N, C-alpha and C. Protein backbone atom coordinates (compact mmCIF):
# COMPACT_ATOMS: atom_id res chain seq x y z
N UNK A 1 -13.28 7.17 7.53
CA UNK A 1 -13.09 6.73 8.87
C UNK A 1 -11.85 5.84 8.92
N UNK A 2 -11.03 6.03 9.93
CA UNK A 2 -9.84 5.19 10.13
C UNK A 2 -10.21 4.07 11.10
N UNK A 3 -10.06 2.84 10.64
CA UNK A 3 -10.41 1.68 11.46
C UNK A 3 -9.26 1.17 12.31
N UNK A 4 -8.04 1.39 11.85
CA UNK A 4 -6.89 0.81 12.54
C UNK A 4 -5.64 1.62 12.23
N UNK A 5 -4.74 1.69 13.19
CA UNK A 5 -3.45 2.35 13.02
C UNK A 5 -2.37 1.34 13.40
N UNK A 6 -1.33 1.24 12.59
CA UNK A 6 -0.21 0.35 12.89
C UNK A 6 1.08 1.15 12.85
N UNK A 7 1.99 0.85 13.77
CA UNK A 7 3.31 1.47 13.77
C UNK A 7 4.22 0.65 12.86
N UNK A 8 4.87 1.31 11.93
CA UNK A 8 5.79 0.65 11.03
C UNK A 8 7.18 0.84 11.61
N UNK A 9 7.80 -0.25 12.03
CA UNK A 9 9.08 -0.18 12.72
C UNK A 9 10.24 -0.76 11.91
N UNK A 10 10.06 -0.91 10.63
CA UNK A 10 11.11 -1.42 9.76
C UNK A 10 10.59 -1.53 8.34
N UNK A 11 11.43 -1.97 7.42
CA UNK A 11 11.01 -2.14 6.03
C UNK A 11 9.74 -3.00 5.97
N UNK A 12 8.77 -2.57 5.16
CA UNK A 12 7.47 -3.23 5.14
C UNK A 12 6.91 -3.36 3.74
N UNK A 13 5.93 -4.24 3.63
CA UNK A 13 5.17 -4.41 2.39
C UNK A 13 3.75 -3.93 2.67
N UNK A 14 3.23 -3.08 1.79
CA UNK A 14 1.85 -2.62 1.90
C UNK A 14 1.01 -3.33 0.86
N UNK A 15 -0.14 -3.84 1.25
CA UNK A 15 -1.09 -4.39 0.30
C UNK A 15 -2.09 -3.29 -0.01
N UNK A 16 -2.15 -2.89 -1.29
CA UNK A 16 -2.97 -1.76 -1.68
C UNK A 16 -4.04 -2.19 -2.66
N UNK A 17 -5.28 -1.86 -2.34
CA UNK A 17 -6.41 -2.06 -3.25
C UNK A 17 -6.56 -0.78 -4.07
N UNK A 18 -6.51 -0.92 -5.38
CA UNK A 18 -6.55 0.26 -6.27
C UNK A 18 -7.67 0.14 -7.28
N UNK A 19 -8.22 1.29 -7.68
CA UNK A 19 -9.26 1.26 -8.70
C UNK A 19 -8.65 0.77 -10.02
N UNK A 20 -9.46 0.29 -10.96
CA UNK A 20 -8.92 -0.28 -12.19
C UNK A 20 -8.02 0.66 -12.98
N UNK A 21 -8.34 1.95 -13.01
CA UNK A 21 -7.51 2.90 -13.75
C UNK A 21 -6.11 2.98 -13.19
N UNK A 22 -5.98 3.03 -11.90
CA UNK A 22 -4.68 3.07 -11.24
C UNK A 22 -3.99 1.71 -11.34
N UNK A 23 -4.72 0.66 -11.08
CA UNK A 23 -4.16 -0.69 -11.11
C UNK A 23 -3.56 -1.03 -12.48
N UNK A 24 -4.21 -0.60 -13.55
CA UNK A 24 -3.77 -0.94 -14.91
C UNK A 24 -2.70 -0.01 -15.47
N UNK A 25 -2.30 1.00 -14.71
CA UNK A 25 -1.30 1.96 -15.20
C UNK A 25 0.00 1.82 -14.39
N UNK A 26 1.03 1.29 -15.01
CA UNK A 26 2.32 1.13 -14.34
C UNK A 26 2.87 2.48 -13.90
N UNK A 27 2.72 3.49 -14.75
CA UNK A 27 3.21 4.84 -14.43
C UNK A 27 2.50 5.41 -13.21
N UNK A 28 1.18 5.25 -13.14
CA UNK A 28 0.42 5.76 -12.00
C UNK A 28 0.80 5.03 -10.71
N UNK A 29 0.95 3.71 -10.79
CA UNK A 29 1.35 2.94 -9.61
C UNK A 29 2.74 3.37 -9.12
N UNK A 30 3.65 3.61 -10.05
CA UNK A 30 5.00 4.05 -9.70
C UNK A 30 4.94 5.42 -9.00
N UNK A 31 4.09 6.33 -9.51
CA UNK A 31 3.96 7.65 -8.89
C UNK A 31 3.39 7.53 -7.47
N UNK A 32 2.35 6.71 -7.29
CA UNK A 32 1.76 6.54 -5.96
C UNK A 32 2.81 6.00 -4.99
N UNK A 33 3.57 5.00 -5.41
CA UNK A 33 4.58 4.42 -4.53
C UNK A 33 5.69 5.41 -4.22
N UNK A 34 6.32 5.97 -5.25
CA UNK A 34 7.51 6.80 -5.05
C UNK A 34 7.21 8.26 -4.73
N UNK A 35 6.11 8.79 -5.25
CA UNK A 35 5.81 10.20 -5.05
C UNK A 35 4.87 10.48 -3.90
N UNK A 36 4.00 9.55 -3.61
CA UNK A 36 2.98 9.79 -2.59
C UNK A 36 3.25 9.02 -1.29
N UNK A 37 3.55 7.73 -1.37
CA UNK A 37 3.67 6.91 -0.16
C UNK A 37 5.08 6.89 0.44
N UNK A 38 6.09 6.60 -0.36
CA UNK A 38 7.46 6.43 0.16
C UNK A 38 7.93 7.62 1.00
N UNK A 39 7.67 8.87 0.61
CA UNK A 39 8.13 9.99 1.44
C UNK A 39 7.49 10.03 2.83
N UNK A 40 6.39 9.35 3.03
CA UNK A 40 5.69 9.35 4.32
C UNK A 40 6.26 8.32 5.30
N UNK A 41 7.14 7.46 4.84
CA UNK A 41 7.69 6.38 5.67
C UNK A 41 9.16 6.62 5.95
N UNK A 42 9.59 6.31 7.16
CA UNK A 42 11.00 6.42 7.53
C UNK A 42 11.80 5.21 7.06
N UNK A 43 11.09 4.13 6.69
CA UNK A 43 11.72 2.89 6.26
C UNK A 43 11.31 2.58 4.82
N UNK A 44 12.10 1.77 4.10
CA UNK A 44 11.73 1.38 2.75
C UNK A 44 10.41 0.59 2.75
N UNK A 45 9.62 0.78 1.70
CA UNK A 45 8.38 0.03 1.54
C UNK A 45 8.33 -0.59 0.16
N UNK A 46 7.62 -1.69 0.08
CA UNK A 46 7.27 -2.32 -1.19
C UNK A 46 5.75 -2.42 -1.22
N UNK A 47 5.20 -2.64 -2.40
CA UNK A 47 3.75 -2.67 -2.52
C UNK A 47 3.29 -3.93 -3.24
N UNK A 48 2.23 -4.54 -2.74
CA UNK A 48 1.52 -5.62 -3.43
C UNK A 48 0.20 -5.01 -3.88
N UNK A 49 0.02 -4.86 -5.19
CA UNK A 49 -1.17 -4.22 -5.74
C UNK A 49 -2.28 -5.25 -5.97
N UNK A 50 -3.50 -4.85 -5.64
CA UNK A 50 -4.67 -5.69 -5.85
C UNK A 50 -5.73 -4.83 -6.51
N UNK A 51 -6.34 -5.35 -7.58
CA UNK A 51 -7.41 -4.59 -8.24
C UNK A 51 -8.66 -4.62 -7.37
N UNK A 52 -9.20 -3.45 -7.10
CA UNK A 52 -10.38 -3.34 -6.25
C UNK A 52 -11.62 -3.86 -6.97
N UNK A 53 -12.47 -4.53 -6.21
CA UNK A 53 -13.77 -4.95 -6.76
C UNK A 53 -14.83 -3.90 -6.45
N UNK A 54 -14.44 -2.90 -5.66
CA UNK A 54 -15.34 -1.80 -5.31
C UNK A 54 -15.27 -0.74 -6.41
N UNK A 55 -16.27 -0.68 -7.26
CA UNK A 55 -16.26 0.27 -8.38
C UNK A 55 -16.37 1.72 -7.92
N UNK A 56 -16.69 1.95 -6.65
CA UNK A 56 -16.81 3.32 -6.15
C UNK A 56 -15.50 3.83 -5.55
N UNK A 57 -14.48 2.98 -5.44
CA UNK A 57 -13.19 3.42 -4.93
C UNK A 57 -12.56 4.34 -5.96
N UNK A 58 -12.27 5.57 -5.56
CA UNK A 58 -11.77 6.56 -6.51
C UNK A 58 -10.27 6.49 -6.75
N UNK A 59 -9.50 6.07 -5.77
CA UNK A 59 -8.05 6.00 -5.95
C UNK A 59 -7.49 4.69 -5.41
N UNK A 60 -7.00 4.70 -4.17
CA UNK A 60 -6.43 3.49 -3.59
C UNK A 60 -6.66 3.47 -2.09
N UNK A 61 -6.46 2.30 -1.51
CA UNK A 61 -6.64 2.11 -0.07
C UNK A 61 -5.64 1.06 0.40
N UNK A 62 -4.89 1.35 1.46
CA UNK A 62 -3.98 0.37 2.05
C UNK A 62 -4.84 -0.56 2.91
N UNK A 63 -4.81 -1.86 2.58
CA UNK A 63 -5.68 -2.82 3.28
C UNK A 63 -4.93 -3.76 4.22
N UNK A 64 -3.59 -3.81 4.11
CA UNK A 64 -2.82 -4.66 5.00
C UNK A 64 -1.35 -4.26 4.90
N UNK A 65 -0.56 -4.69 5.87
CA UNK A 65 0.89 -4.50 5.79
C UNK A 65 1.57 -5.56 6.63
N UNK A 66 2.81 -5.84 6.28
CA UNK A 66 3.61 -6.79 7.04
C UNK A 66 5.07 -6.44 6.86
N UNK A 67 5.89 -6.95 7.78
CA UNK A 67 7.32 -6.67 7.73
C UNK A 67 7.93 -7.32 6.49
N UNK A 68 8.87 -6.62 5.90
CA UNK A 68 9.51 -7.11 4.68
C UNK A 68 10.30 -8.39 4.92
N UNK A 69 10.95 -8.53 6.08
CA UNK A 69 11.78 -9.70 6.34
C UNK A 69 10.97 -10.98 6.51
N UNK A 70 9.79 -10.88 7.10
CA UNK A 70 8.99 -12.07 7.40
C UNK A 70 7.55 -11.80 6.98
N UNK A 71 7.15 -12.33 5.83
CA UNK A 71 5.82 -12.05 5.28
C UNK A 71 4.68 -12.47 6.18
N UNK A 72 4.92 -13.36 7.14
CA UNK A 72 3.84 -13.82 7.99
C UNK A 72 3.64 -12.92 9.21
N UNK A 73 4.58 -12.04 9.48
CA UNK A 73 4.49 -11.16 10.67
C UNK A 73 3.86 -9.84 10.28
N UNK A 74 2.75 -9.53 10.86
CA UNK A 74 2.09 -8.24 10.57
C UNK A 74 2.83 -7.11 11.27
N UNK A 75 2.54 -5.89 10.86
CA UNK A 75 3.26 -4.71 11.33
C UNK A 75 2.87 -4.26 12.73
N UNK A 76 1.98 -4.94 13.40
CA UNK A 76 1.56 -4.47 14.72
C UNK A 76 2.49 -4.86 15.76
């Protein structure tokens, strides 16, 4: 279920909750960022990775985002 949609109107930072296998693998995180997520955005993105406490999370989940220029301003 999708709880919220935000328009990304410039370079942004995504906060991503990842399962331990993904979180602990630099190669896997690099692939998710560059191979899976970056092509979906018209603007550059950076990622703040957080290890999920949910043991049932199979891959990753974007839990927050904010503009790259001002960390306190959310993407909405």
